[in-house]
């Protein structure tokens, strides 16, 4: 009698098709996320009114100090003695002009603090209002205000008896 030899095959879980499906889903969700359009406003038709006036932006000028301490007025280099007359000329043309003073962020070759103080002092002594531009401060946890003692109030019993 002939005996057939049968070997038992162990069952296996093939990982390759599973990984193919996982990467296919991952690719789909990445592309879907990138193609999403985020709507920040509700589109609406604006109507024209008889009493309406077109909005005009307020003119602005920027005084900046770069890393080497050089002064710029709207990206045009100016010498320190010419700064105040140039700004007064702009204010004479358009009195609503808002001035911003910005300092380049980084480590420069010179200390820019004396230049900043010099520019600030010249502008303040000329009566020119300037707004400083900078980064917003890091958000810190607000400290709980300590209660102020009320005049004539006595401390709770046992507070100072030790």
N, C-alpha and C. Protein backbone atom coordinates (compact mmCIF):
# COMPACT_ATOMS: atom_id res chain seq x y z
N UNK A 1 0.82 -1.15 0.00
CA UNK A 1 0.00 0.00 0.00
C UNK A 1 0.89 1.24 0.00
N UNK A 2 0.49 2.12 -0.82
CA UNK A 2 1.24 3.35 -0.96
C UNK A 2 0.77 4.37 0.06
N UNK A 3 1.73 4.92 0.69
CA UNK A 3 1.37 5.96 1.67
C UNK A 3 1.80 7.31 1.13
N UNK A 4 0.87 8.18 1.13
CA UNK A 4 1.21 9.53 0.71
C UNK A 4 1.66 10.33 1.93
N UNK A 5 2.68 10.99 1.70
CA UNK A 5 3.22 11.77 2.82
C UNK A 5 2.69 13.19 2.71
N UNK A 6 1.95 13.55 3.66
CA UNK A 6 1.41 14.92 3.67
C UNK A 6 2.04 15.69 4.81
N UNK A 7 2.52 16.82 4.46
CA UNK A 7 3.06 17.67 5.53
C UNK A 7 2.02 18.74 5.86
N UNK A 8 1.95 19.11 7.09
CA UNK A 8 1.00 20.15 7.50
C UNK A 8 1.64 21.51 7.30
N UNK A 9 0.91 22.36 6.64
CA UNK A 9 1.40 23.71 6.40
C UNK A 9 0.94 24.60 7.54
N UNK A 10 1.86 25.39 8.02
CA UNK A 10 1.51 26.38 9.06
C UNK A 10 0.80 27.54 8.39
N UNK A 11 -0.21 28.02 9.05
CA UNK A 11 -0.90 29.18 8.51
C UNK A 11 -0.06 30.43 8.77
N UNK A 12 -0.05 31.32 7.77
CA UNK A 12 0.74 32.54 7.89
C UNK A 12 -0.14 33.73 7.59
N UNK A 13 0.21 34.81 8.23
CA UNK A 13 -0.45 36.07 7.94
C UNK A 13 0.51 36.87 7.06
N UNK A 14 0.07 37.15 5.87
CA UNK A 14 0.92 37.89 4.94
C UNK A 14 0.82 39.37 5.30
N UNK A 15 1.96 40.00 5.55
CA UNK A 15 2.00 41.39 5.95
C UNK A 15 2.05 42.35 4.76
N UNK A 16 2.52 41.90 3.63
CA UNK A 16 2.67 42.78 2.48
C UNK A 16 1.34 43.38 2.03
N UNK A 17 0.27 42.61 1.85
CA UNK A 17 -1.00 43.23 1.47
C UNK A 17 -1.54 44.17 2.54
N UNK A 18 -1.33 43.83 3.80
CA UNK A 18 -1.78 44.70 4.87
C UNK A 18 -1.04 46.04 4.83
N UNK A 19 0.25 46.00 4.62
CA UNK A 19 1.02 47.24 4.54
C UNK A 19 0.62 48.05 3.31
N UNK A 20 0.33 47.38 2.21
CA UNK A 20 -0.12 48.10 1.02
C UNK A 20 -1.40 48.88 1.31
N UNK A 21 -2.34 48.26 1.98
CA UNK A 21 -3.60 48.91 2.29
C UNK A 21 -3.38 50.07 3.27
N UNK A 22 -2.53 49.87 4.26
CA UNK A 22 -2.26 50.93 5.24
C UNK A 22 -1.64 52.14 4.56
N UNK A 23 -0.67 51.93 3.69
CA UNK A 23 -0.04 53.06 3.01
C UNK A 23 -0.98 53.71 2.00
N UNK A 24 -1.85 52.93 1.39
CA UNK A 24 -2.84 53.50 0.49
C UNK A 24 -3.79 54.42 1.26
N UNK A 25 -4.25 53.98 2.41
CA UNK A 25 -5.12 54.83 3.23
C UNK A 25 -4.38 56.07 3.74
N UNK A 26 -3.14 55.90 4.16
CA UNK A 26 -2.34 57.02 4.64
C UNK A 26 -2.17 58.06 3.54
N UNK A 27 -1.85 57.61 2.32
CA UNK A 27 -1.69 58.52 1.20
C UNK A 27 -2.99 59.24 0.90
N UNK A 28 -4.10 58.51 0.93
CA UNK A 28 -5.40 59.13 0.66
C UNK A 28 -5.69 60.23 1.67
N UNK A 29 -5.48 59.96 2.96
CA UNK A 29 -5.80 60.96 3.97
C UNK A 29 -4.86 62.15 3.92
N UNK A 30 -3.61 61.94 3.58
CA UNK A 30 -2.68 63.07 3.46
C UNK A 30 -3.11 63.98 2.31
N UNK A 31 -3.41 63.41 1.15
CA UNK A 31 -3.86 64.23 0.03
C UNK A 31 -5.20 64.89 0.32
N UNK A 32 -6.08 64.18 0.98
CA UNK A 32 -7.38 64.77 1.31
C UNK A 32 -7.20 65.95 2.26
N UNK A 33 -6.28 65.83 3.20
CA UNK A 33 -6.03 66.92 4.15
C UNK A 33 -5.42 68.12 3.44
N UNK A 34 -4.50 67.87 2.50
CA UNK A 34 -3.85 68.97 1.80
C UNK A 34 -4.79 69.70 0.85
N UNK A 35 -5.77 69.00 0.33
CA UNK A 35 -6.67 69.61 -0.63
C UNK A 35 -7.90 70.22 0.01
N UNK A 36 -8.00 70.16 1.33
CA UNK A 36 -9.15 70.76 2.00
C UNK A 36 -9.11 72.27 1.85
N UNK A 37 -10.24 72.86 1.68
CA UNK A 37 -10.34 74.31 1.60
C UNK A 37 -10.98 74.78 2.89
N UNK A 38 -10.27 75.61 3.59
CA UNK A 38 -10.78 76.11 4.86
C UNK A 38 -11.49 77.42 4.60
N UNK A 39 -12.72 77.49 4.99
CA UNK A 39 -13.51 78.69 4.77
C UNK A 39 -13.50 79.50 6.06
N UNK A 40 -12.94 80.71 5.97
CA UNK A 40 -12.87 81.58 7.14
C UNK A 40 -14.01 82.57 7.20
N UNK A 41 -14.72 82.74 6.14
CA UNK A 41 -15.78 83.72 6.12
C UNK A 41 -16.94 83.19 5.29
N UNK A 42 -18.05 83.77 5.50
CA UNK A 42 -19.23 83.41 4.74
C UNK A 42 -19.29 84.33 3.52
N UNK A 43 -19.30 83.78 2.32
CA UNK A 43 -19.37 84.64 1.14
C UNK A 43 -20.73 85.33 1.07
N UNK A 44 -20.69 86.60 0.84
CA UNK A 44 -21.94 87.36 0.75
C UNK A 44 -21.78 88.47 -0.26
N UNK A 45 -22.87 88.86 -0.81
CA UNK A 45 -22.87 89.96 -1.76
C UNK A 45 -23.03 91.26 -1.01
N UNK A 46 -22.09 92.18 -1.20
CA UNK A 46 -22.16 93.47 -0.54
C UNK A 46 -22.96 94.44 -1.40
N UNK A 47 -23.83 95.14 -0.78
CA UNK A 47 -24.68 96.08 -1.50
C UNK A 47 -24.08 97.47 -1.48
N UNK A 48 -24.36 98.22 -2.49
CA UNK A 48 -23.91 99.61 -2.56
C UNK A 48 -24.99 100.49 -1.95
N UNK A 49 -24.57 101.44 -1.11
CA UNK A 49 -25.49 102.37 -0.49
C UNK A 49 -25.18 103.78 -0.96
N UNK A 50 -26.19 104.59 -1.01
CA UNK A 50 -26.03 105.98 -1.44
C UNK A 50 -25.13 106.76 -0.48
N UNK A 51 -25.23 106.47 0.81
CA UNK A 51 -24.46 107.22 1.80
C UNK A 51 -23.08 106.62 2.04
N UNK A 52 -22.72 105.58 1.32
CA UNK A 52 -21.46 104.90 1.53
C UNK A 52 -20.27 105.68 1.01
N UNK A 53 -19.15 105.54 1.71
CA UNK A 53 -17.90 106.18 1.31
C UNK A 53 -16.84 105.09 1.26
N UNK A 54 -16.02 105.11 0.25
CA UNK A 54 -14.96 104.10 0.12
C UNK A 54 -13.96 104.27 1.26
N UNK A 55 -13.54 103.15 1.83
CA UNK A 55 -12.56 103.16 2.92
C UNK A 55 -11.17 103.41 2.34
N UNK A 56 -10.45 104.31 2.95
CA UNK A 56 -9.08 104.58 2.53
C UNK A 56 -8.15 104.23 3.68
N UNK A 57 -7.11 103.47 3.41
CA UNK A 57 -6.20 103.11 4.48
C UNK A 57 -5.38 104.33 4.93
N UNK A 58 -5.01 104.29 6.19
CA UNK A 58 -4.19 105.37 6.74
C UNK A 58 -2.77 105.19 6.22
N UNK A 59 -2.15 106.25 5.71
CA UNK A 59 -0.77 106.12 5.22
C UNK A 59 0.18 105.83 6.39
N UNK A 60 1.21 105.06 6.09
CA UNK A 60 2.16 104.67 7.13
C UNK A 60 3.58 104.82 6.59
N UNK A 61 4.50 105.02 7.51
CA UNK A 61 5.92 105.08 7.19
C UNK A 61 6.66 104.26 8.24
N UNK A 62 7.74 103.61 7.82
CA UNK A 62 8.50 102.76 8.72
C UNK A 62 9.92 103.25 8.84
N UNK A 63 10.35 103.43 10.07
CA UNK A 63 11.76 103.73 10.36
C UNK A 63 12.35 102.43 10.87
N UNK A 64 13.41 101.96 10.26
CA UNK A 64 14.00 100.70 10.69
C UNK A 64 15.50 100.86 10.92
N UNK A 65 15.98 100.07 11.85
CA UNK A 65 17.41 100.03 12.19
C UNK A 65 17.88 98.62 11.90
N UNK A 66 18.85 98.46 10.99
CA UNK A 66 19.30 97.12 10.64
C UNK A 66 20.37 96.63 11.62
N UNK A 67 20.92 95.45 11.34
CA UNK A 67 21.88 94.83 12.27
C UNK A 67 23.17 95.63 12.41
N UNK A 68 23.50 96.46 11.41
CA UNK A 68 24.72 97.27 11.49
C UNK A 68 24.45 98.65 12.08
N UNK A 69 23.21 98.95 12.44
CA UNK A 69 22.88 100.23 13.04
C UNK A 69 22.51 101.30 12.04
N UNK A 70 22.37 100.95 10.76
CA UNK A 70 22.00 101.92 9.74
C UNK A 70 20.51 102.22 9.82
N UNK A 71 20.14 103.47 9.53
CA UNK A 71 18.75 103.91 9.56
C UNK A 71 18.14 103.85 8.17
N UNK A 72 16.87 103.42 8.13
CA UNK A 72 16.14 103.37 6.87
C UNK A 72 14.77 103.98 7.09
N UNK A 73 14.31 104.76 6.13
CA UNK A 73 12.96 105.30 6.14
C UNK A 73 12.26 104.70 4.92
N UNK A 74 11.34 103.80 5.18
CA UNK A 74 10.65 103.05 4.12
C UNK A 74 11.65 102.41 3.15
N UNK A 75 12.60 101.68 3.68
CA UNK A 75 13.62 100.92 2.93
C UNK A 75 14.60 101.79 2.16
N UNK A 76 14.62 103.07 2.43
CA UNK A 76 15.60 103.97 1.82
C UNK A 76 16.54 104.44 2.92
N UNK A 77 17.83 104.23 2.72
CA UNK A 77 18.79 104.58 3.76
C UNK A 77 18.85 106.09 3.93
N UNK A 78 18.82 106.54 5.19
CA UNK A 78 18.93 107.97 5.51
C UNK A 78 19.98 108.15 6.59
N UNK A 79 20.62 109.29 6.58
CA UNK A 79 21.57 109.63 7.63
C UNK A 79 20.79 110.14 8.83
N UNK A 80 21.32 109.98 10.04
CA UNK A 80 20.58 110.42 11.23
C UNK A 80 20.17 111.89 11.23
N UNK A 81 21.00 112.85 10.75
CA UNK A 81 20.53 114.23 10.75
C UNK A 81 19.38 114.49 9.76
N UNK A 82 19.24 113.64 8.74
CA UNK A 82 18.20 113.85 7.73
C UNK A 82 16.87 113.19 8.10
N UNK A 83 16.84 112.40 9.18
CA UNK A 83 15.65 111.62 9.50
C UNK A 83 14.47 112.50 9.89
N UNK A 84 14.65 113.39 10.86
CA UNK A 84 13.54 114.22 11.34
C UNK A 84 13.01 115.14 10.25
N UNK A 85 13.86 115.83 9.46
CA UNK A 85 13.30 116.64 8.38
C UNK A 85 12.54 115.83 7.34
N UNK A 86 13.01 114.62 7.05
CA UNK A 86 12.30 113.78 6.08
C UNK A 86 10.93 113.38 6.61
N UNK A 87 10.87 113.05 7.89
CA UNK A 87 9.57 112.67 8.49
C UNK A 87 8.65 113.87 8.56
N UNK A 88 9.18 115.04 8.92
CA UNK A 88 8.34 116.24 8.96
C UNK A 88 7.81 116.57 7.58
N UNK A 89 8.60 116.34 6.53
CA UNK A 89 8.12 116.55 5.16
C UNK A 89 6.97 115.61 4.83
N UNK A 90 7.08 114.35 5.26
CA UNK A 90 5.99 113.40 5.02
C UNK A 90 4.74 113.79 5.79
N UNK A 91 4.93 114.24 7.03
CA UNK A 91 3.77 114.63 7.85
C UNK A 91 3.13 115.91 7.31
N UNK A 92 3.93 116.79 6.67
CA UNK A 92 3.35 117.99 6.08
C UNK A 92 2.48 117.62 4.87
N UNK A 93 2.93 116.61 4.10
CA UNK A 93 2.13 116.16 2.94
C UNK A 93 0.86 115.46 3.39
N UNK A 94 0.99 114.55 4.37
CA UNK A 94 -0.16 113.78 4.86
C UNK A 94 -0.09 113.71 6.38
N UNK A 95 -0.85 114.55 7.08
CA UNK A 95 -0.76 114.61 8.54
C UNK A 95 -1.24 113.34 9.25
N UNK A 96 -2.02 112.49 8.55
CA UNK A 96 -2.52 111.27 9.20
C UNK A 96 -1.51 110.13 9.17
N UNK A 97 -0.32 110.34 8.65
CA UNK A 97 0.67 109.28 8.52
C UNK A 97 1.04 108.72 9.88
N UNK A 98 1.03 107.40 9.98
CA UNK A 98 1.40 106.70 11.21
C UNK A 98 2.83 106.22 11.05
N UNK A 99 3.68 106.49 12.04
CA UNK A 99 5.09 106.09 11.99
C UNK A 99 5.32 104.85 12.84
N UNK A 100 6.09 103.93 12.30
CA UNK A 100 6.46 102.71 13.01
C UNK A 100 7.98 102.65 13.08
N UNK A 101 8.49 102.26 14.23
CA UNK A 101 9.93 102.11 14.45
C UNK A 101 10.20 100.63 14.68
N UNK A 102 11.02 100.02 13.81
CA UNK A 102 11.33 98.60 13.90
C UNK A 102 12.83 98.41 13.96
N UNK A 103 13.23 97.39 14.71
CA UNK A 103 14.65 97.05 14.84
C UNK A 103 14.82 95.63 14.34
N UNK A 104 15.85 95.41 13.52
CA UNK A 104 16.10 94.07 12.98
C UNK A 104 16.40 93.11 14.11
N UNK A 105 15.81 91.92 14.02
CA UNK A 105 15.99 90.90 15.04
C UNK A 105 17.25 90.09 14.73
N UNK A 106 18.14 89.99 15.67
CA UNK A 106 19.35 89.22 15.48
C UNK A 106 20.53 89.88 16.16
N UNK A 107 21.66 89.23 16.06
CA UNK A 107 22.89 89.74 16.66
C UNK A 107 23.68 90.45 15.58
N UNK A 108 23.93 91.73 15.77
CA UNK A 108 24.64 92.52 14.78
C UNK A 108 26.08 92.77 15.17
N UNK A 109 26.73 93.58 14.37
CA UNK A 109 28.14 93.92 14.60
C UNK A 109 28.29 95.05 15.61
N UNK A 110 27.24 95.85 15.77
CA UNK A 110 27.30 96.99 16.67
C UNK A 110 26.13 96.93 17.64
N UNK A 111 26.27 97.66 18.73
CA UNK A 111 25.18 97.78 19.70
C UNK A 111 24.20 98.82 19.17
N UNK A 112 22.96 98.41 18.93
CA UNK A 112 21.97 99.30 18.34
C UNK A 112 21.18 100.09 19.38
N UNK A 113 21.41 99.82 20.64
CA UNK A 113 20.66 100.53 21.68
C UNK A 113 20.92 102.03 21.66
N UNK A 114 22.18 102.49 21.57
CA UNK A 114 22.38 103.95 21.51
C UNK A 114 21.70 104.58 20.29
N UNK A 115 21.70 103.90 19.15
CA UNK A 115 21.06 104.45 17.96
C UNK A 115 19.54 104.53 18.17
N UNK A 116 18.97 103.49 18.78
CA UNK A 116 17.54 103.50 19.07
C UNK A 116 17.17 104.63 20.00
N UNK A 117 17.94 104.82 21.06
CA UNK A 117 17.66 105.89 22.01
C UNK A 117 17.83 107.26 21.36
N UNK A 118 18.82 107.39 20.50
CA UNK A 118 19.04 108.66 19.80
C UNK A 118 17.86 108.99 18.88
N UNK A 119 17.40 107.99 18.11
CA UNK A 119 16.27 108.21 17.20
C UNK A 119 15.01 108.52 17.99
N UNK A 120 14.78 107.75 19.06
CA UNK A 120 13.58 107.97 19.88
C UNK A 120 13.58 109.37 20.49
N UNK A 121 14.73 109.79 21.01
CA UNK A 121 14.83 111.11 21.64
C UNK A 121 14.62 112.22 20.62
N UNK A 122 15.21 112.09 19.42
CA UNK A 122 15.03 113.11 18.39
C UNK A 122 13.57 113.22 17.97
N UNK A 123 12.90 112.08 17.80
CA UNK A 123 11.51 112.10 17.36
C UNK A 123 10.59 112.65 18.46
N UNK A 124 10.85 112.29 19.70
CA UNK A 124 10.01 112.78 20.79
C UNK A 124 10.22 114.27 21.02
N UNK A 125 11.48 114.73 20.90
CA UNK A 125 11.72 116.16 21.08
C UNK A 125 11.15 116.98 19.93
N UNK A 126 10.97 116.36 18.75
CA UNK A 126 10.36 117.06 17.61
C UNK A 126 8.83 116.97 17.68
N UNK A 127 8.30 116.25 18.67
CA UNK A 127 6.85 116.13 18.81
C UNK A 127 6.22 115.15 17.85
N UNK A 128 7.00 114.17 17.38
CA UNK A 128 6.51 113.17 16.43
C UNK A 128 6.17 111.90 17.19
N UNK A 129 4.95 111.42 17.02
CA UNK A 129 4.51 110.21 17.69
C UNK A 129 4.96 109.00 16.89
N UNK A 130 5.58 108.01 17.57
CA UNK A 130 6.13 106.82 16.93
C UNK A 130 5.60 105.58 17.64
N UNK A 131 5.27 104.55 16.87
CA UNK A 131 4.84 103.27 17.41
C UNK A 131 5.97 102.26 17.25
N UNK A 132 6.30 101.54 18.32
CA UNK A 132 7.34 100.52 18.24
C UNK A 132 6.74 99.23 17.71
N UNK A 133 7.51 98.53 16.90
CA UNK A 133 7.10 97.26 16.33
C UNK A 133 7.96 96.17 16.95
N UNK A 134 7.33 95.08 17.38
CA UNK A 134 8.08 93.98 17.97
C UNK A 134 7.24 92.72 18.00
N UNK A 135 7.82 91.67 18.55
CA UNK A 135 7.12 90.41 18.69
C UNK A 135 6.19 90.48 19.89
N UNK A 136 5.07 89.77 19.83
CA UNK A 136 4.22 89.74 21.02
C UNK A 136 4.90 88.93 22.11
N UNK A 137 4.64 89.28 23.36
CA UNK A 137 5.29 88.54 24.45
C UNK A 137 4.75 87.12 24.53
N UNK A 138 5.57 86.25 25.09
CA UNK A 138 5.14 84.87 25.27
C UNK A 138 4.00 84.84 26.27
N UNK A 139 3.03 84.00 26.01
CA UNK A 139 1.87 83.91 26.90
C UNK A 139 2.30 83.29 28.22
N UNK A 140 2.09 84.03 29.28
CA UNK A 140 2.39 83.52 30.61
C UNK A 140 1.08 83.34 31.35
N UNK A 141 1.09 82.42 32.29
CA UNK A 141 -0.11 82.19 33.09
C UNK A 141 -0.36 83.42 33.94
N UNK A 142 -1.58 83.94 33.92
CA UNK A 142 -1.85 85.13 34.72
C UNK A 142 -1.74 84.82 36.21
N UNK A 143 -1.06 85.70 36.88
CA UNK A 143 -0.88 85.53 38.32
C UNK A 143 -2.16 85.96 39.03
N UNK A 144 -2.49 85.22 40.06
CA UNK A 144 -3.69 85.56 40.84
C UNK A 144 -3.39 86.81 41.66
N UNK A 145 -4.26 87.81 41.57
CA UNK A 145 -4.00 89.02 42.34
C UNK A 145 -4.16 88.75 43.83
N UNK A 146 -3.25 89.31 44.59
CA UNK A 146 -3.35 89.14 46.04
C UNK A 146 -4.37 90.15 46.56
N UNK A 147 -5.20 89.71 47.47
CA UNK A 147 -6.20 90.63 47.98
C UNK A 147 -5.56 91.74 48.80
N UNK A 148 -5.99 92.95 48.53
CA UNK A 148 -5.45 94.10 49.27
C UNK A 148 -6.17 94.20 50.60
N UNK A 149 -5.44 94.48 51.68
CA UNK A 149 -6.10 94.61 52.97
C UNK A 149 -6.96 95.86 53.00
N UNK A 150 -8.09 95.75 53.62
CA UNK A 150 -8.99 96.87 53.76
C UNK A 150 -8.65 97.59 55.06
N UNK A 151 -8.62 98.89 54.99
CA UNK A 151 -8.27 99.67 56.17
C UNK A 151 -9.32 99.43 57.24
N UNK A 152 -8.84 99.11 58.43
CA UNK A 152 -9.73 98.88 59.56
C UNK A 152 -10.15 97.43 59.69
N UNK A 153 -9.75 96.58 58.76
CA UNK A 153 -10.12 95.17 58.83
C UNK A 153 -9.12 94.45 59.72
N UNK A 154 -9.60 93.56 60.52
CA UNK A 154 -8.72 92.80 61.41
C UNK A 154 -8.42 91.46 60.78
N UNK A 155 -7.28 90.89 61.13
CA UNK A 155 -6.89 89.59 60.59
C UNK A 155 -7.78 88.52 61.21
N UNK A 156 -8.03 87.40 60.50
CA UNK A 156 -8.83 86.33 61.06
C UNK A 156 -8.18 85.78 62.32
N UNK A 157 -8.98 85.23 63.19
CA UNK A 157 -8.44 84.73 64.46
C UNK A 157 -7.48 83.60 64.20
N UNK A 158 -6.36 83.64 64.88
CA UNK A 158 -5.35 82.61 64.76
C UNK A 158 -4.35 82.88 63.66
N UNK A 159 -4.49 83.96 62.92
CA UNK A 159 -3.58 84.21 61.81
C UNK A 159 -2.23 84.66 62.30
N UNK A 160 -2.17 85.42 63.33
CA UNK A 160 -0.88 85.91 63.79
C UNK A 160 -0.55 85.48 65.20
N UNK A 161 -1.18 84.42 65.70
CA UNK A 161 -0.98 84.04 67.10
C UNK A 161 0.18 83.10 67.31
N UNK A 162 0.84 82.66 66.29
CA UNK A 162 1.93 81.70 66.49
C UNK A 162 3.20 82.33 66.75
